[in-house]
């Protein structure tokens, strides 16, 4: 499925951006922290939107944990 690969690439790109920023979180100013929060929210919204493409019903507890983790960030 080509669409699945595109979405997976999008989610990976957003995750990578967050991980790069989290490594330097102590050095971030207010604007940098805001950008980090925005990036986390974009990832969370994208995960929720595309969840039906990737998550079979028996994996929903894992999806719920992921959503909770992203919300807490």
Protein backbone atom coordinates (compact mmCIF):
# COMPACT_ATOMS: atom_id res chain seq x y z
CA UNK A 1 0.00 0.00 0.00
CA UNK A 2 1.69 3.19 -1.21
CA UNK A 3 -0.47 5.43 0.99
CA UNK A 4 0.66 3.56 4.10
CA UNK A 5 4.31 4.13 3.22
CA UNK A 6 3.67 7.83 2.72
CA UNK A 7 1.91 8.14 6.07
CA UNK A 8 4.58 6.09 7.83
CA UNK A 9 7.22 8.41 6.37
CA UNK A 10 5.31 11.45 7.57
CA UNK A 11 4.99 10.07 11.09
CA UNK A 12 8.68 9.11 11.14
CA UNK A 13 9.68 12.60 10.00
CA UNK A 14 7.59 14.22 12.73
CA UNK A 15 8.99 11.82 15.35
CA UNK A 16 12.56 12.54 14.30
CA UNK A 17 11.98 16.29 14.56
CA UNK A 18 10.67 15.88 18.11
CA UNK A 19 13.54 13.65 19.18
CA UNK A 20 16.09 16.14 17.87
CA UNK A 21 14.48 18.97 19.84
CA UNK A 22 14.04 16.94 23.04
CA UNK A 23 17.78 16.24 23.15
CA UNK A 24 18.37 19.96 23.69
CA UNK A 25 15.26 20.75 25.75
CA UNK A 26 17.23 22.35 28.59
CA UNK A 27 18.69 24.91 26.19
CA UNK A 28 15.36 25.84 24.55
CA UNK A 29 13.95 29.27 25.12
CA UNK A 30 10.20 29.96 25.31
CA UNK A 31 9.84 30.04 21.52
CA UNK A 32 11.77 26.78 21.15
CA UNK A 33 9.60 25.05 23.75
CA UNK A 34 6.50 26.33 21.97
CA UNK A 35 7.75 24.90 18.68
CA UNK A 36 8.41 21.60 20.43
CA UNK A 37 4.86 21.53 21.85
CA UNK A 38 3.52 22.32 18.37
CA UNK A 39 5.54 19.48 16.86
CA UNK A 40 4.28 17.04 19.51
CA UNK A 41 0.69 18.08 18.87
CA UNK A 42 1.12 17.67 15.11
CA UNK A 43 2.43 14.14 15.67
CA UNK A 44 -0.40 13.32 18.08
CA UNK A 45 -3.08 14.61 15.69
CA UNK A 46 -1.53 12.76 12.75
CA UNK A 47 -1.35 9.52 14.79
CA UNK A 48 -5.00 9.83 15.78
CA UNK A 49 -6.09 10.66 12.22
CA UNK A 50 -4.23 7.78 10.57
CA UNK A 51 -4.64 5.20 13.36
CA UNK A 52 -7.26 3.22 11.48
CA UNK A 53 -4.73 2.53 8.72
CA UNK A 54 -2.19 0.90 11.01
CA UNK A 55 -3.81 -0.28 14.21
CA UNK A 56 -5.96 -3.41 14.26
CA UNK A 57 -8.51 -3.47 17.12
CA UNK A 58 -6.39 -5.85 19.23
CA UNK A 59 -3.63 -3.17 19.37
CA UNK A 60 -5.87 -0.35 20.62
CA UNK A 61 -4.49 -0.43 24.20
CA UNK A 62 -1.03 0.34 22.77
CA UNK A 63 -2.47 3.19 20.72
CA UNK A 64 -4.16 4.56 23.84
CA UNK A 65 -0.84 4.48 25.74
CA UNK A 66 0.87 6.30 22.88
CA UNK A 67 -1.84 8.95 22.82
CA UNK A 68 -1.54 9.42 26.59
CA UNK A 69 2.24 9.79 26.33
CA UNK A 70 2.00 12.38 23.57
CA UNK A 71 -0.63 14.32 25.50
CA UNK A 72 1.60 14.43 28.56
CA UNK A 73 4.50 15.81 26.50
